[in-house]
Amino acid sequence: MVYKTITTEVDVDLDDFDDDELLDEIERRNLSVTCRDPNEAIRLLEDIYYKRIMNKDFGAELDRYFYLTLGRSV
């Protein structure tokens, strides 16, 4: 099978799109996304920390943190 790469330039004004549309497009492309809710991320890190020092399972919180900050699930 032959693959061909084509490059083109497109003039797009990002102001034509709202923030949610841009974030959805970034996520659709499986790219990293800045955390949408920093307060939730901090809460998750605190939960992970306390469960870690108490030697309890924190896998669910860690998975949620990955999804929240990276846009990817494990």
PDB file of N, CA and C in Angstrom:
ATOM      1  N   MET A   1       0.841  -1.168   0.000  1.00  0.00           N
ATOM      2  CA  MET A   1       0.000   0.000   0.000  1.00  0.00           C
ATOM      3  C   MET A   1       0.892   1.239   0.000  1.00  0.00           C
ATOM      4  N   VAL A   2       0.555   2.202  -0.817  1.00  0.00           N
ATOM      5  CA  VAL A   2       1.332   3.426  -0.939  1.00  0.00           C
ATOM      6  C   VAL A   2       0.668   4.526  -0.116  1.00  0.00           C
ATOM      7  N   TYR A   3       1.488   5.225   0.678  1.00  0.00           N
ATOM      8  CA  TYR A   3       1.001   6.351   1.459  1.00  0.00           C
ATOM      9  C   TYR A   3       1.601   7.629   0.903  1.00  0.00           C
ATOM     10  N   LYS A   4       0.812   8.669   0.863  1.00  0.00           N
ATOM     11  CA  LYS A   4       1.284   9.949   0.375  1.00  0.00           C
ATOM     12  C   LYS A   4       0.945  11.011   1.421  1.00  0.00           C
ATOM     13  N   THR A   5       1.925  11.826   1.750  1.00  0.00           N
ATOM     14  CA  THR A   5       1.716  12.912   2.704  1.00  0.00           C
ATOM     15  C   THR A   5       1.536  14.203   1.930  1.00  0.00           C
ATOM     16  N   ILE A   6       0.457  14.894   2.244  1.00  0.00           N
ATOM     17  CA  ILE A   6       0.174  16.168   1.588  1.00  0.00           C
ATOM     18  C   ILE A   6       0.111  17.244   2.668  1.00  0.00           C
ATOM     19  N   THR A   7       0.805  18.329   2.438  1.00  0.00           N
ATOM     20  CA  THR A   7       0.816  19.437   3.378  1.00  0.00           C
ATOM     21  C   THR A   7       0.143  20.639   2.728  1.00  0.00           C
ATOM     22  N   THR A   8      -0.698  21.299   3.503  1.00  0.00           N
ATOM     23  CA  THR A   8      -1.367  22.495   3.002  1.00  0.00           C
ATOM     24  C   THR A   8      -1.491  23.507   4.126  1.00  0.00           C
ATOM     25  N   GLU A   9      -1.575  24.755   3.772  1.00  0.00           N
ATOM     26  CA  GLU A   9      -1.755  25.802   4.767  1.00  0.00           C
ATOM     27  C   GLU A   9      -3.199  26.280   4.714  1.00  0.00           C
ATOM     28  N   VAL A  10      -3.764  26.490   5.888  1.00  0.00           N
ATOM     29  CA  VAL A  10      -5.136  26.941   5.992  1.00  0.00           C
ATOM     30  C   VAL A  10      -5.170  28.143   6.924  1.00  0.00           C
ATOM     31  N   ASP A  11      -5.867  29.174   6.506  1.00  0.00           N
ATOM     32  CA  ASP A  11      -5.996  30.358   7.339  1.00  0.00           C
ATOM     33  C   ASP A  11      -7.260  30.223   8.175  1.00  0.00           C
ATOM     34  N   VAL A  12      -7.076  29.965   9.482  1.00  0.00           N
ATOM     35  CA  VAL A  12      -8.201  29.765  10.388  1.00  0.00           C
ATOM     36  C   VAL A  12      -8.079  30.745  11.540  1.00  0.00           C
ATOM     37  N   ASP A  13      -9.172  31.383  11.860  1.00  0.00           N
ATOM     38  CA  ASP A  13      -9.196  32.287  13.008  1.00  0.00           C
ATOM     39  C   ASP A  13      -9.752  31.512  14.196  1.00  0.00           C
ATOM     40  N   LEU A  14      -8.923  31.247  15.187  1.00  0.00           N
ATOM     41  CA  LEU A  14      -9.350  30.456  16.341  1.00  0.00           C
ATOM     42  C   LEU A  14     -10.423  31.153  17.158  1.00  0.00           C
ATOM     43  N   ASP A  15     -10.589  32.447  16.962  1.00  0.00           N
ATOM     44  CA  ASP A  15     -11.661  33.158  17.655  1.00  0.00           C
ATOM     45  C   ASP A  15     -13.039  32.729  17.163  1.00  0.00           C
ATOM     46  N   ASP A  16     -13.082  32.028  16.024  1.00  0.00           N
ATOM     47  CA  ASP A  16     -14.352  31.522  15.493  1.00  0.00           C
ATOM     48  C   ASP A  16     -14.852  30.318  16.282  1.00  0.00           C
ATOM     49  N   PHE A  17     -14.028  29.774  17.164  1.00  0.00           N
ATOM     50  CA  PHE A  17     -14.373  28.584  17.934  1.00  0.00           C
ATOM     51  C   PHE A  17     -14.387  28.929  19.419  1.00  0.00           C
ATOM     52  N   ASP A  18     -15.302  28.306  20.164  1.00  0.00           N
ATOM     53  CA  ASP A  18     -15.287  28.539  21.605  1.00  0.00           C
ATOM     54  C   ASP A  18     -14.315  27.555  22.269  1.00  0.00           C
ATOM     55  N   ASP A  19     -14.034  27.779  23.538  1.00  0.00           N
ATOM     56  CA  ASP A  19     -13.039  26.973  24.250  1.00  0.00           C
ATOM     57  C   ASP A  19     -13.380  25.489  24.247  1.00  0.00           C
ATOM     58  N   ASP A  20     -14.645  25.154  24.470  1.00  0.00           N
ATOM     59  CA  ASP A  20     -15.043  23.742  24.513  1.00  0.00           C
ATOM     60  C   ASP A  20     -14.816  23.056  23.177  1.00  0.00           C
ATOM     61  N   GLU A  21     -15.080  23.751  22.080  1.00  0.00           N
ATOM     62  CA  GLU A  21     -14.843  23.163  20.753  1.00  0.00           C
ATOM     63  C   GLU A  21     -13.356  22.891  20.542  1.00  0.00           C
ATOM     64  N   LEU A  22     -12.525  23.824  20.965  1.00  0.00           N
ATOM     65  CA  LEU A  22     -11.081  23.639  20.818  1.00  0.00           C
ATOM     66  C   LEU A  22     -10.571  22.499  21.693  1.00  0.00           C
ATOM     67  N   LEU A  23     -11.037  22.441  22.942  1.00  0.00           N
ATOM     68  CA  LEU A  23     -10.618  21.354  23.834  1.00  0.00           C
ATOM     69  C   LEU A  23     -11.103  20.001  23.318  1.00  0.00           C
ATOM     70  N   ASP A  24     -12.327  19.952  22.794  1.00  0.00           N
ATOM     71  CA  ASP A  24     -12.840  18.697  22.236  1.00  0.00           C
ATOM     72  C   ASP A  24     -12.001  18.237  21.052  1.00  0.00           C
ATOM     73  N   GLU A  25     -11.576  19.153  20.211  1.00  0.00           N
ATOM     74  CA  GLU A  25     -10.745  18.794  19.058  1.00  0.00           C
ATOM     75  C   GLU A  25      -9.376  18.289  19.507  1.00  0.00           C
ATOM     76  N   ILE A  26      -8.804  18.929  20.513  1.00  0.00           N
ATOM     77  CA  ILE A  26      -7.513  18.475  21.037  1.00  0.00           C
ATOM     78  C   ILE A  26      -7.650  17.066  21.611  1.00  0.00           C
ATOM     79  N   GLU A  27      -8.718  16.826  22.374  1.00  0.00           N
ATOM     80  CA  GLU A  27      -8.937  15.491  22.945  1.00  0.00           C
ATOM     81  C   GLU A  27      -9.196  14.462  21.853  1.00  0.00           C
ATOM     82  N   ARG A  28      -9.934  14.838  20.814  1.00  0.00           N
ATOM     83  CA  ARG A  28     -10.221  13.919  19.712  1.00  0.00           C
ATOM     84  C   ARG A  28      -8.926  13.448  19.053  1.00  0.00           C
ATOM     85  N   ARG A  29      -7.948  14.307  19.039  1.00  0.00           N
ATOM     86  CA  ARG A  29      -6.653  13.972  18.436  1.00  0.00           C
ATOM     87  C   ARG A  29      -5.724  13.265  19.423  1.00  0.00           C
ATOM     88  N   ASN A  30      -6.233  12.951  20.617  1.00  0.00           N
ATOM     89  CA  ASN A  30      -5.459  12.259  21.658  1.00  0.00           C
ATOM     90  C   ASN A  30      -4.197  13.028  22.050  1.00  0.00           C
ATOM     91  N   LEU A  31      -4.318  14.342  22.129  1.00  0.00           N
ATOM     92  CA  LEU A  31      -3.206  15.166  22.561  1.00  0.00           C
ATOM     93  C   LEU A  31      -3.398  15.549  24.020  1.00  0.00           C
ATOM     94  N   SER A  32      -2.334  15.998  24.644  1.00  0.00           N
ATOM     95  CA  SER A  32      -2.427  16.414  26.041  1.00  0.00           C
ATOM     96  C   SER A  32      -3.294  17.651  26.164  1.00  0.00           C
ATOM     97  N   VAL A  33      -4.032  17.697  27.231  1.00  0.00           N
ATOM     98  CA  VAL A  33      -4.911  18.828  27.484  1.00  0.00           C
ATOM     99  C   VAL A  33      -4.605  19.348  28.880  1.00  0.00           C
ATOM    100  N   THR A  34      -4.517  20.646  29.004  1.00  0.00           N
ATOM    101  CA  THR A  34      -4.349  21.236  30.326  1.00  0.00           C
ATOM    102  C   THR A  34      -5.570  20.899  31.168  1.00  0.00           C
ATOM    103  N   CYS A  35      -5.360  20.653  32.400  1.00  0.00           N
ATOM    104  CA  CYS A  35      -6.420  20.260  33.308  1.00  0.00           C
ATOM    105  C   CYS A  35      -7.590  21.238  33.258  1.00  0.00           C
ATOM    106  N   ARG A  36      -8.794  20.705  33.035  1.00  0.00           N
ATOM    107  CA  ARG A  36      -9.987  21.550  32.955  1.00  0.00           C
ATOM    108  C   ARG A  36     -10.436  22.034  34.334  1.00  0.00           C
ATOM    109  N   ASP A  37     -10.127  21.272  35.367  1.00  0.00           N
ATOM    110  CA  ASP A  37     -10.579  21.635  36.713  1.00  0.00           C
ATOM    111  C   ASP A  37      -9.422  21.469  37.697  1.00  0.00           C
ATOM    112  N   PRO A  38      -8.592  22.502  37.842  1.00  0.00           N
ATOM    113  CA  PRO A  38      -7.433  22.400  38.730  1.00  0.00           C
ATOM    114  C   PRO A  38      -7.803  22.060  40.172  1.00  0.00           C
ATOM    115  N   ASN A  39      -8.960  22.538  40.653  1.00  0.00           N
ATOM    116  CA  ASN A  39      -9.359  22.230  42.026  1.00  0.00           C
ATOM    117  C   ASN A  39      -9.603  20.742  42.210  1.00  0.00           C
ATOM    118  N   GLU A  40     -10.210  20.104  41.225  1.00  0.00           N
ATOM    119  CA  GLU A  40     -10.436  18.658  41.311  1.00  0.00           C
ATOM    120  C   GLU A  40      -9.103  17.911  41.268  1.00  0.00           C
ATOM    121  N   ALA A  41      -8.172  18.397  40.455  1.00  0.00           N
ATOM    122  CA  ALA A  41      -6.852  17.759  40.375  1.00  0.00           C
ATOM    123  C   ALA A  41      -6.142  17.825  41.721  1.00  0.00           C
ATOM    124  N   ILE A  42      -6.203  18.956  42.371  1.00  0.00           N
ATOM    125  CA  ILE A  42      -5.570  19.102  43.688  1.00  0.00           C
ATOM    126  C   ILE A  42      -6.238  18.173  44.703  1.00  0.00           C
ATOM    127  N   ARG A  43      -7.566  18.101  44.671  1.00  0.00           N
ATOM    128  CA  ARG A  43      -8.288  17.215  45.589  1.00  0.00           C
ATOM    129  C   ARG A  43      -7.879  15.761  45.359  1.00  0.00           C
ATOM    130  N   LEU A  44      -7.774  15.369  44.080  1.00  0.00           N
ATOM    131  CA  LEU A  44      -7.364  13.998  43.770  1.00  0.00           C
ATOM    132  C   LEU A  44      -5.948  13.724  44.274  1.00  0.00           C
ATOM    133  N   LEU A  45      -5.045  14.682  44.098  1.00  0.00           N
ATOM    134  CA  LEU A  45      -3.673  14.492  44.589  1.00  0.00           C
ATOM    135  C   LEU A  45      -3.641  14.355  46.102  1.00  0.00           C
ATOM    136  N   GLU A  46      -4.469  15.136  46.786  1.00  0.00           N
ATOM    137  CA  GLU A  46      -4.539  15.005  48.243  1.00  0.00           C
ATOM    138  C   GLU A  46      -5.076  13.638  48.638  1.00  0.00           C
ATOM    139  N   ASP A  47      -6.107  13.160  47.946  1.00  0.00           N
ATOM    140  CA  ASP A  47      -6.646  11.826  48.222  1.00  0.00           C
ATOM    141  C   ASP A  47      -5.594  10.747  47.988  1.00  0.00           C
ATOM    142  N   ILE A  48      -4.856  10.881  46.892  1.00  0.00           N
ATOM    143  CA  ILE A  48      -3.802   9.908  46.565  1.00  0.00           C
ATOM    144  C   ILE A  48      -2.726   9.932  47.658  1.00  0.00           C
ATOM    145  N   TYR A  49      -2.331  11.118  48.057  1.00  0.00           N
ATOM    146  CA  TYR A  49      -1.303  11.260  49.094  1.00  0.00           C
ATOM    147  C   TYR A  49      -1.725  10.572  50.392  1.00  0.00           C
ATOM    148  N   TYR A  50      -2.934  10.893  50.872  1.00  0.00           N
ATOM    149  CA  TYR A  50      -3.374  10.330  52.156  1.00  0.00           C
ATOM    150  C   TYR A  50      -3.572   8.818  52.081  1.00  0.00           C
ATOM    151  N   LYS A  51      -4.081   8.331  50.962  1.00  0.00           N
ATOM    152  CA  LYS A  51      -4.221   6.877  50.822  1.00  0.00           C
ATOM    153  C   LYS A  51      -2.855   6.212  50.744  1.00  0.00           C
ATOM    154  N   ARG A  52      -1.908   6.876  50.120  1.00  0.00           N
ATOM    155  CA  ARG A  52      -0.551   6.322  49.990  1.00  0.00           C
ATOM    156  C   ARG A  52       0.113   6.205  51.360  1.00  0.00           C
ATOM    157  N   ILE A  53       0.010   7.270  52.182  1.00  0.00           N
ATOM    158  CA  ILE A  53       0.678   7.210  53.493  1.00  0.00           C
ATOM    159  C   ILE A  53      -0.049   6.261  54.444  1.00  0.00           C
ATOM    160  N   MET A  54      -1.329   5.966  54.161  1.00  0.00           N
ATOM    161  CA  MET A  54      -2.076   5.010  54.988  1.00  0.00           C
ATOM    162  C   MET A  54      -2.038   3.603  54.388  1.00  0.00           C
ATOM    163  N   ASN A  55      -1.228   3.453  53.329  1.00  0.00           N
ATOM    164  CA  ASN A  55      -1.048   2.167  52.662  1.00  0.00           C
ATOM    165  C   ASN A  55      -2.374   1.580  52.157  1.00  0.00           C
ATOM    166  N   LYS A  56      -3.224   2.461  51.598  1.00  0.00           N
ATOM    167  CA  LYS A  56      -4.497   2.031  51.018  1.00  0.00           C
ATOM    168  C   LYS A  56      -4.426   2.153  49.501  1.00  0.00           C
ATOM    169  N   ASP A  57      -5.283   1.425  48.823  1.00  0.00           N
ATOM    170  CA  ASP A  57      -5.322   1.447  47.361  1.00  0.00           C
ATOM    171  C   ASP A  57      -5.796   2.817  46.868  1.00  0.00           C
ATOM    172  N   PHE A  58      -5.022   3.418  45.962  1.00  0.00           N
ATOM    173  CA  PHE A  58      -5.385   4.713  45.400  1.00  0.00           C
ATOM    174  C   PHE A  58      -5.445   4.656  43.873  1.00  0.00           C
ATOM    175  N   GLY A  59      -5.590   3.449  43.344  1.00  0.00           N
ATOM    176  CA  GLY A  59      -5.600   3.255  41.896  1.00  0.00           C
ATOM    177  C   GLY A  59      -6.712   3.999  41.184  1.00  0.00           C
ATOM    178  N   ALA A  60      -7.916   3.992  41.743  1.00  0.00           N
ATOM    179  CA  ALA A  60      -9.051   4.667  41.094  1.00  0.00           C
ATOM    180  C   ALA A  60      -8.805   6.176  41.028  1.00  0.00           C
ATOM    181  N   GLU A  61      -8.282   6.749  42.106  1.00  0.00           N
ATOM    182  CA  GLU A  61      -8.000   8.181  42.128  1.00  0.00           C
ATOM    183  C   GLU A  61      -6.878   8.528  41.147  1.00  0.00           C
ATOM    184  N   LEU A  62      -5.882   7.669  41.071  1.00  0.00           N
ATOM    185  CA  LEU A  62      -4.779   7.903  40.146  1.00  0.00           C
ATOM    186  C   LEU A  62      -5.256   7.830  38.701  1.00  0.00           C
ATOM    187  N   ASP A  63      -6.118   6.864  38.389  1.00  0.00           N
ATOM    188  CA  ASP A  63      -6.682   6.770  37.043  1.00  0.00           C
ATOM    189  C   ASP A  63      -7.483   8.017  36.698  1.00  0.00           C
ATOM    190  N   ARG A  64      -8.280   8.495  37.655  1.00  0.00           N
ATOM    191  CA  ARG A  64      -9.081   9.701  37.431  1.00  0.00           C
ATOM    192  C   ARG A  64      -8.178  10.911  37.224  1.00  0.00           C
ATOM    193  N   TYR A  65      -7.088  10.986  37.991  1.00  0.00           N
ATOM    194  CA  TYR A  65      -6.133  12.086  37.839  1.00  0.00           C
ATOM    195  C   TYR A  65      -5.498  12.064  36.447  1.00  0.00           C
ATOM    196  N   PHE A  66      -5.095  10.885  35.987  1.00  0.00           N
ATOM    197  CA  PHE A  66      -4.538  10.765  34.636  1.00  0.00           C
ATOM    198  C   PHE A  66      -5.533  11.265  33.592  1.00  0.00           C
ATOM    199  N   TYR A  67      -6.791  10.836  33.718  1.00  0.00           N
ATOM    200  CA  TYR A  67      -7.792  11.243  32.747  1.00  0.00           C
ATOM    201  C   TYR A  67      -8.036  12.756  32.800  1.00  0.00           C
ATOM    202  N   LEU A  68      -8.085  13.289  34.009  1.00  0.00           N
ATOM    203  CA  LEU A  68      -8.345  14.711  34.177  1.00  0.00           C
ATOM    204  C   LEU A  68      -7.222  15.577  33.615  1.00  0.00           C
ATOM    205  N   THR A  69      -5.982  15.156  33.821  1.00  0.00           N
ATOM    206  CA  THR A  69      -4.846  15.989  33.424  1.00  0.00           C
ATOM    207  C   THR A  69      -4.296  15.656  32.043  1.00  0.00           C
ATOM    208  N   LEU A  70      -4.361  14.396  31.647  1.00  0.00           N
ATOM    209  CA  LEU A  70      -3.806  13.984  30.358  1.00  0.00           C
ATOM    210  C   LEU A  70      -4.864  13.713  29.306  1.00  0.00           C
ATOM    211  N   GLY A  71      -6.103  13.556  29.763  1.00  0.00           N
ATOM    212  CA  GLY A  71      -7.165  13.238  28.817  1.00  0.00           C
ATOM    213  C   GLY A  71      -7.134  11.803  28.353  1.00  0.00           C
ATOM    214  N   ARG A  72      -6.417  10.960  29.071  1.00  0.00           N
ATOM    215  CA  ARG A  72      -6.287   9.543  28.711  1.00  0.00           C
ATOM    216  C   ARG A  72      -6.580   8.685  29.922  1.00  0.00           C
ATOM    217  N   SER A  73      -7.193   7.544  29.649  1.00  0.00           N
ATOM    218  CA  SER A  73      -7.438   6.613  30.762  1.00  0.00           C
ATOM    219  C   SER A  73      -6.536   5.403  30.613  1.00  0.00           C
ATOM    220  N   VAL A  74      -6.275   4.774  31.742  1.00  0.00           N
ATOM    221  CA  VAL A  74      -5.375   3.616  31.781  1.00  0.00           C
ATOM    222  C   VAL A  74      -6.193   2.365  31.577  1.00  0.00           C
TER     223      VAL A  74
END
